[in-house]
Amino acid sequence: MMRLSLTFAMLLGAFATKASDLSKMLDHYMLIKDALVASDFSKTNAAVLVYKSDLKSFKSADLPEAQKKAFKSVEKTMNKAVDQLQAATTLESQRKAFADLSKAWFKVLDQVKVSDKPVYRFNCSMKKEDWLSFEQSVKNPYYGKTMLNCGSLVKTY
């Protein structure tokens, strides 16, 4: 009986760790968003490198089936957006690529729960783009300091 409990605990631990990998990637998406909110090109580049490392080492095969399916549906889009973020030479081009990365995350979050924290989806009506945040207050990554509080809450995941 003890061996069975130990095996079950190990399986639960494995699933918790693997599921948290997707959560960790969402956390690192938030680092990119926060750097864009601060209008900090270098900080955005650094956050993109962290996210790209996550994406490169990510093993979707280890995820529960629903999360695996959700991730697989956007994997190419995420990789392309991250490559564009990394190749960006201006803050504006970083923001454009970030919009594509955000769209991939919307598809994931529309299908599965990734975080234990609420995830808020906001819209910037001027850019006609959305973004995600763990904070309920508006901090616009598409305009940063220029129009920091411009945006509206669209959805809570």
C-alpha atoms as a PDB file:
ATOM      1  CA  MET A   1       0.000   0.000   0.000  1.00  0.00           C
ATOM      2  CA  MET A   2       2.809   2.396   0.873  1.00  0.00           C
ATOM      3  CA  ARG A   3       4.508   1.699  -2.459  1.00  0.00           C
ATOM      4  CA  LEU A   4       1.273   2.489  -4.294  1.00  0.00           C
ATOM      5  CA  SER A   5       0.923   5.771  -2.377  1.00  0.00           C
ATOM      6  CA  LEU A   6       4.507   6.679  -3.149  1.00  0.00           C
ATOM      7  CA  THR A   7       4.015   5.931  -6.859  1.00  0.00           C
ATOM      8  CA  PHE A   8       0.802   7.971  -6.909  1.00  0.00           C
ATOM      9  CA  ALA A   9       2.533  10.868  -5.170  1.00  0.00           C
ATOM     10  CA  MET A  10       5.378  10.718  -7.690  1.00  0.00           C
ATOM     11  CA  LEU A  11       2.899  10.754 -10.584  1.00  0.00           C
ATOM     12  CA  LEU A  12       1.059  13.718  -9.107  1.00  0.00           C
ATOM     13  CA  GLY A  13       4.355  15.501  -8.592  1.00  0.00           C
ATOM     14  CA  ALA A  14       5.364  14.845 -12.195  1.00  0.00           C
ATOM     15  CA  PHE A  15       2.090  16.226 -13.511  1.00  0.00           C
ATOM     16  CA  ALA A  16       2.309  19.275 -11.252  1.00  0.00           C
ATOM     17  CA  THR A  17       5.845  19.979 -12.430  1.00  0.00           C
ATOM     18  CA  LYS A  18       5.045  19.548 -16.109  1.00  0.00           C
ATOM     19  CA  ALA A  19       1.813  21.530 -15.956  1.00  0.00           C
ATOM     20  CA  SER A  20       3.707  24.298 -14.199  1.00  0.00           C
ATOM     21  CA  ASP A  21       6.072  24.474 -17.193  1.00  0.00           C
ATOM     22  CA  LEU A  22       3.251  26.036 -19.200  1.00  0.00           C
ATOM     23  CA  SER A  23       2.511  28.284 -16.236  1.00  0.00           C
ATOM     24  CA  LYS A  24       6.198  29.230 -16.085  1.00  0.00           C
ATOM     25  CA  MET A  25       6.098  30.150 -19.750  1.00  0.00           C
ATOM     26  CA  LEU A  26       3.083  32.380 -19.047  1.00  0.00           C
ATOM     27  CA  ASP A  27       5.041  33.992 -16.194  1.00  0.00           C
ATOM     28  CA  HIS A  28       7.827  34.749 -18.663  1.00  0.00           C
ATOM     29  CA  TYR A  29       5.325  36.161 -21.167  1.00  0.00           C
ATOM     30  CA  MET A  30       4.436  38.585 -18.351  1.00  0.00           C
ATOM     31  CA  LEU A  31       8.119  39.605 -18.086  1.00  0.00           C
ATOM     32  CA  ILE A  32       8.033  40.578 -21.756  1.00  0.00           C
ATOM     33  CA  LYS A  33       4.773  42.468 -21.223  1.00  0.00           C
ATOM     34  CA  ASP A  34       6.185  44.312 -18.193  1.00  0.00           C
ATOM     35  CA  ALA A  35       9.328  45.331 -20.109  1.00  0.00           C
ATOM     36  CA  LEU A  36       7.167  46.711 -22.925  1.00  0.00           C
ATOM     37  CA  VAL A  37       5.010  48.567 -20.386  1.00  0.00           C
ATOM     38  CA  ALA A  38       8.246  50.181 -19.160  1.00  0.00           C
ATOM     39  CA  SER A  39       9.182  50.937 -22.804  1.00  0.00           C
ATOM     40  CA  ASP A  40      12.533  49.259 -22.144  1.00  0.00           C
ATOM     41  CA  PHE A  41      13.978  47.729 -25.320  1.00  0.00           C
ATOM     42  CA  SER A  42      16.927  46.015 -23.580  1.00  0.00           C
ATOM     43  CA  LYS A  43      14.810  44.581 -20.784  1.00  0.00           C
ATOM     44  CA  THR A  44      12.374  43.266 -23.404  1.00  0.00           C
ATOM     45  CA  ASN A  45      15.254  41.566 -25.231  1.00  0.00           C
ATOM     46  CA  ALA A  46      16.402  39.929 -21.994  1.00  0.00           C
ATOM     47  CA  ALA A  47      12.867  38.712 -21.222  1.00  0.00           C
ATOM     48  CA  VAL A  48      12.546  37.324 -24.757  1.00  0.00           C
ATOM     49  CA  LEU A  49      15.719  35.279 -24.266  1.00  0.00           C
ATOM     50  CA  VAL A  50      14.259  33.747 -21.097  1.00  0.00           C
ATOM     51  CA  TYR A  51      10.997  32.966 -22.892  1.00  0.00           C
ATOM     52  CA  LYS A  52      12.815  31.516 -25.900  1.00  0.00           C
ATOM     53  CA  SER A  53      14.805  29.241 -23.598  1.00  0.00           C
ATOM     54  CA  ASP A  54      11.538  28.025 -22.046  1.00  0.00           C
ATOM     55  CA  LEU A  55      10.054  27.386 -25.466  1.00  0.00           C
ATOM     56  CA  LYS A  56      13.131  25.547 -26.701  1.00  0.00           C
ATOM     57  CA  SER A  57      13.277  23.205 -23.698  1.00  0.00           C
ATOM     58  CA  PHE A  58       9.512  22.768 -23.399  1.00  0.00           C
ATOM     59  CA  LYS A  59       8.235  19.188 -23.670  1.00  0.00           C
ATOM     60  CA  SER A  60       4.528  19.242 -24.490  1.00  0.00           C
ATOM     61  CA  ALA A  61       4.436  15.426 -24.491  1.00  0.00           C
ATOM     62  CA  ASP A  62       4.649  15.543 -20.691  1.00  0.00           C
ATOM     63  CA  LEU A  63       1.514  17.686 -20.339  1.00  0.00           C
ATOM     64  CA  PRO A  64      -2.005  16.491 -19.597  1.00  0.00           C
ATOM     65  CA  GLU A  65      -3.812  15.866 -22.909  1.00  0.00           C
ATOM     66  CA  ALA A  66      -5.885  19.087 -22.946  1.00  0.00           C
ATOM     67  CA  GLN A  67      -2.839  21.289 -22.286  1.00  0.00           C
ATOM     68  CA  LYS A  68      -0.804  19.372 -24.853  1.00  0.00           C
ATOM     69  CA  LYS A  69      -3.477  19.907 -27.497  1.00  0.00           C
ATOM     70  CA  ALA A  70      -3.805  23.608 -26.635  1.00  0.00           C
ATOM     71  CA  PHE A  71      -0.041  24.161 -26.793  1.00  0.00           C
ATOM     72  CA  LYS A  72       0.440  22.182 -30.010  1.00  0.00           C
ATOM     73  CA  SER A  73      -2.210  24.332 -31.719  1.00  0.00           C
ATOM     74  CA  VAL A  74      -0.073  27.455 -31.225  1.00  0.00           C
ATOM     75  CA  GLU A  75       3.493  26.151 -30.988  1.00  0.00           C
ATOM     76  CA  LYS A  76       4.533  27.360 -34.463  1.00  0.00           C
ATOM     77  CA  THR A  77       2.902  30.746 -33.908  1.00  0.00           C
ATOM     78  CA  MET A  78       4.721  31.152 -30.583  1.00  0.00           C
ATOM     79  CA  ASN A  79       8.068  30.215 -32.107  1.00  0.00           C
ATOM     80  CA  LYS A  80       7.580  32.638 -34.996  1.00  0.00           C
ATOM     81  CA  ALA A  81       6.522  35.469 -32.683  1.00  0.00           C
ATOM     82  CA  VAL A  82       9.498  34.873 -30.377  1.00  0.00           C
ATOM     83  CA  ASP A  83      11.872  34.841 -33.366  1.00  0.00           C
ATOM     84  CA  GLN A  84      10.362  38.154 -34.502  1.00  0.00           C
ATOM     85  CA  LEU A  85      10.696  39.568 -30.996  1.00  0.00           C
ATOM     86  CA  GLN A  86      14.332  38.527 -30.906  1.00  0.00           C
ATOM     87  CA  ALA A  87      15.025  40.007 -34.356  1.00  0.00           C
ATOM     88  CA  ALA A  88      13.240  43.282 -33.570  1.00  0.00           C
ATOM     89  CA  THR A  89      15.368  46.397 -33.832  1.00  0.00           C
ATOM     90  CA  THR A  90      12.873  48.876 -32.386  1.00  0.00           C
ATOM     91  CA  LEU A  91      10.438  48.994 -29.517  1.00  0.00           C
ATOM     92  CA  GLU A  92       7.601  49.286 -32.053  1.00  0.00           C
ATOM     93  CA  SER A  93       8.648  46.093 -33.844  1.00  0.00           C
ATOM     94  CA  GLN A  94       8.903  44.330 -30.470  1.00  0.00           C
ATOM     95  CA  ARG A  95       5.342  45.415 -29.709  1.00  0.00           C
ATOM     96  CA  LYS A  96       4.084  44.150 -33.065  1.00  0.00           C
ATOM     97  CA  ALA A  97       5.622  40.706 -32.470  1.00  0.00           C
ATOM     98  CA  PHE A  98       4.310  40.730 -28.895  1.00  0.00           C
ATOM     99  CA  ALA A  99       0.774  41.087 -30.297  1.00  0.00           C
ATOM    100  CA  ASP A 100       1.260  37.827 -32.209  1.00  0.00           C
ATOM    101  CA  LEU A 101       2.595  36.073 -29.110  1.00  0.00           C
ATOM    102  CA  SER A 102      -0.393  37.348 -27.151  1.00  0.00           C
ATOM    103  CA  LYS A 103      -2.817  35.954 -29.744  1.00  0.00           C
ATOM    104  CA  ALA A 104      -1.238  32.530 -29.323  1.00  0.00           C
ATOM    105  CA  TRP A 105      -1.733  32.724 -25.561  1.00  0.00           C
ATOM    106  CA  PHE A 106      -5.403  33.686 -25.998  1.00  0.00           C
ATOM    107  CA  LYS A 107      -5.926  30.448 -27.928  1.00  0.00           C
ATOM    108  CA  VAL A 108      -4.256  28.433 -25.167  1.00  0.00           C
ATOM    109  CA  LEU A 109      -6.166  30.109 -22.349  1.00  0.00           C
ATOM    110  CA  ASP A 110      -9.471  29.797 -24.201  1.00  0.00           C
ATOM    111  CA  GLN A 111      -8.939  26.020 -24.089  1.00  0.00           C
ATOM    112  CA  VAL A 112      -7.242  25.273 -20.754  1.00  0.00           C
ATOM    113  CA  LYS A 113      -6.438  26.713 -17.356  1.00  0.00           C
ATOM    114  CA  VAL A 114      -2.717  27.391 -17.067  1.00  0.00           C
ATOM    115  CA  SER A 115      -2.335  29.463 -13.921  1.00  0.00           C
ATOM    116  CA  ASP A 116      -3.729  29.321 -10.399  1.00  0.00           C
ATOM    117  CA  LYS A 117      -3.817  33.126 -10.508  1.00  0.00           C
ATOM    118  CA  PRO A 118      -6.480  35.015 -12.439  1.00  0.00           C
ATOM    119  CA  VAL A 119      -5.248  36.050 -15.887  1.00  0.00           C
ATOM    120  CA  TYR A 120      -6.772  39.250 -17.240  1.00  0.00           C
ATOM    121  CA  ARG A 121      -7.136  40.004 -20.926  1.00  0.00           C
ATOM    122  CA  PHE A 122      -7.164  43.670 -21.872  1.00  0.00           C
ATOM    123  CA  ASN A 123      -7.798  45.489 -25.126  1.00  0.00           C
ATOM    124  CA  CYS A 124      -6.114  48.580 -26.522  1.00  0.00           C
ATOM    125  CA  SER A 125      -8.756  50.112 -28.789  1.00  0.00           C
ATOM    126  CA  MET A 126      -6.229  52.439 -30.420  1.00  0.00           C
ATOM    127  CA  LYS A 127      -3.887  49.598 -31.465  1.00  0.00           C
ATOM    128  CA  LYS A 128      -6.754  47.132 -31.855  1.00  0.00           C
ATOM    129  CA  GLU A 129      -4.672  44.560 -29.957  1.00  0.00           C
ATOM    130  CA  ASP A 130      -5.108  42.661 -26.699  1.00  0.00           C
ATOM    131  CA  TRP A 131      -2.663  41.550 -24.019  1.00  0.00           C
ATOM    132  CA  LEU A 132      -2.618  39.491 -20.837  1.00  0.00           C
ATOM    133  CA  SER A 133      -1.776  40.478 -17.292  1.00  0.00           C
ATOM    134  CA  PHE A 134      -1.832  39.039 -13.785  1.00  0.00           C
ATOM    135  CA  GLU A 135      -2.783  42.525 -12.577  1.00  0.00           C
ATOM    136  CA  GLN A 136      -6.340  43.793 -12.771  1.00  0.00           C
ATOM    137  CA  SER A 137      -5.167  47.339 -13.420  1.00  0.00           C
ATOM    138  CA  VAL A 138      -4.503  48.520 -16.975  1.00  0.00           C
ATOM    139  CA  LYS A 139      -0.843  48.851 -17.956  1.00  0.00           C
ATOM    140  CA  ASN A 140      -0.667  49.069 -21.725  1.00  0.00           C
ATOM    141  CA  PRO A 141       2.381  47.387 -23.324  1.00  0.00           C
ATOM    142  CA  TYR A 142       1.560  48.747 -26.786  1.00  0.00           C
ATOM    143  CA  TYR A 143       2.021  52.377 -25.779  1.00  0.00           C
ATOM    144  CA  GLY A 144       3.922  51.988 -22.509  1.00  0.00           C
ATOM    145  CA  LYS A 145       4.581  55.222 -20.677  1.00  0.00           C
ATOM    146  CA  THR A 146       2.890  57.276 -23.388  1.00  0.00           C
ATOM    147  CA  MET A 147      -0.597  55.883 -22.714  1.00  0.00           C
ATOM    148  CA  LEU A 148      -0.026  53.617 -19.744  1.00  0.00           C
ATOM    149  CA  ASN A 149      -3.622  53.400 -18.531  1.00  0.00           C
ATOM    150  CA  CYS A 150      -5.297  53.179 -21.933  1.00  0.00           C
ATOM    151  CA  GLY A 151      -7.223  49.935 -22.292  1.00  0.00           C
ATOM    152  CA  SER A 152     -10.190  47.981 -21.067  1.00  0.00           C
ATOM    153  CA  LEU A 153     -10.765  44.599 -19.479  1.00  0.00           C
ATOM    154  CA  VAL A 154     -12.103  42.083 -21.996  1.00  0.00           C
ATOM    155  CA  LYS A 155     -12.014  38.757 -20.159  1.00  0.00           C
ATOM    156  CA  THR A 156     -10.763  36.987 -17.061  1.00  0.00           C
ATOM    157  CA  TYR A 157      -9.346  33.478 -17.399  1.00  0.00           C
END
